[in-house]
């Protein structure tokens, strides 16, 4: 039996919830980028973002795969023979 605070849906943990502060910080950063006219700065930012996105994408894929494996093992272990 799952804990009381466990999500009702198996995939609820994958829903991203941002606080108002996080949303406002993101919007401020987006507006800074939109207003930037320095092509060198924008180019460096794009390169950095591409590297970061590739790394985070791979890490997330590995983490979700690991979690899915752990859930499958847990599910198998909790089933009655």
Protein backbone atom coordinates (compact mmCIF):
# COMPACT_ATOMS: atom_id res chain seq x y z
CA UNK A 1 0.00 0.00 0.00
CA UNK A 2 1.42 3.43 -0.94
CA UNK A 3 2.06 6.06 1.73
CA UNK A 4 -0.73 8.58 2.49
CA UNK A 5 1.08 11.40 0.69
CA UNK A 6 1.79 9.28 -2.39
CA UNK A 7 0.38 10.63 -5.67
CA UNK A 8 -2.95 9.15 -6.74
CA UNK A 9 -1.74 8.65 -10.30
CA UNK A 10 1.47 6.77 -10.95
CA UNK A 11 2.78 9.58 -13.14
CA UNK A 12 1.74 12.58 -11.01
CA UNK A 13 5.34 13.03 -9.91
CA UNK A 14 6.23 13.98 -13.49
CA UNK A 15 4.00 17.08 -13.48
CA UNK A 16 6.15 20.20 -13.20
CA UNK A 17 4.81 22.71 -10.71
CA UNK A 18 6.48 26.12 -10.59
CA UNK A 19 5.99 28.68 -7.89
CA UNK A 20 4.98 32.22 -8.84
CA UNK A 21 8.52 33.34 -7.97
CA UNK A 22 10.01 30.78 -10.37
CA UNK A 23 7.63 31.81 -13.16
CA UNK A 24 8.44 35.50 -12.67
CA UNK A 25 12.19 34.84 -12.61
CA UNK A 26 11.89 32.88 -15.86
CA UNK A 27 9.85 35.65 -17.47
CA UNK A 28 12.42 38.27 -16.39
CA UNK A 29 15.23 36.20 -17.96
CA UNK A 30 13.24 35.70 -21.16
CA UNK A 31 12.64 39.43 -21.48
CA UNK A 32 16.36 40.10 -20.96
CA UNK A 33 17.16 37.73 -23.83
CA UNK A 34 14.48 39.24 -26.07
CA UNK A 35 15.85 42.73 -25.44
CA UNK A 36 19.52 41.78 -25.93
CA UNK A 37 21.02 43.15 -29.15
CA UNK A 38 24.58 41.86 -28.63
CA UNK A 39 24.97 38.95 -31.06
CA UNK A 40 28.10 37.65 -29.34
CA UNK A 41 26.28 37.39 -26.01
CA UNK A 42 23.29 35.72 -27.67
CA UNK A 43 25.55 33.28 -29.50
CA UNK A 44 27.37 32.31 -26.31
CA UNK A 45 24.04 31.92 -24.53
CA UNK A 46 22.70 29.66 -27.28
CA UNK A 47 25.78 27.44 -27.17
CA UNK A 48 25.56 27.21 -23.39
CA UNK A 49 21.84 26.43 -23.48
CA UNK A 50 22.31 23.71 -26.12
CA UNK A 51 25.01 22.00 -24.04
CA UNK A 52 22.94 22.27 -20.88
CA UNK A 53 19.79 21.01 -22.60
CA UNK A 54 21.59 18.01 -24.09
CA UNK A 55 23.09 17.10 -20.70
CA UNK A 56 19.81 17.53 -18.82
CA UNK A 57 17.87 15.61 -21.46
CA UNK A 58 20.22 12.64 -21.20
CA UNK A 59 20.23 12.80 -17.41
CA UNK A 60 16.43 12.96 -17.27
CA UNK A 61 16.10 10.02 -19.66
CA UNK A 62 18.46 7.93 -17.52
CA UNK A 63 16.72 8.96 -14.28
CA UNK A 64 13.23 8.16 -15.57
CA UNK A 65 14.47 4.80 -16.86
CA UNK A 66 16.02 4.04 -13.48
CA UNK A 67 12.85 5.07 -11.63
CA UNK A 68 10.71 2.93 -13.95
CA UNK A 69 12.96 -0.06 -13.31
CA UNK A 70 12.78 0.49 -9.55
CA UNK A 71 8.98 0.78 -9.70
CA UNK A 72 8.75 -2.43 -11.72
CA UNK A 73 10.94 -4.29 -9.23
CA UNK A 74 8.91 -2.87 -6.33
CA UNK A 75 5.64 -3.81 -8.02
CA UNK A 76 6.86 -7.37 -8.65
CA UNK A 77 8.06 -7.66 -5.05
CA UNK A 78 4.70 -6.55 -3.63
CA UNK A 79 2.56 -8.90 -5.70
CA UNK A 80 1.27 -11.98 -3.94
CA UNK A 81 2.50 -15.26 -5.42
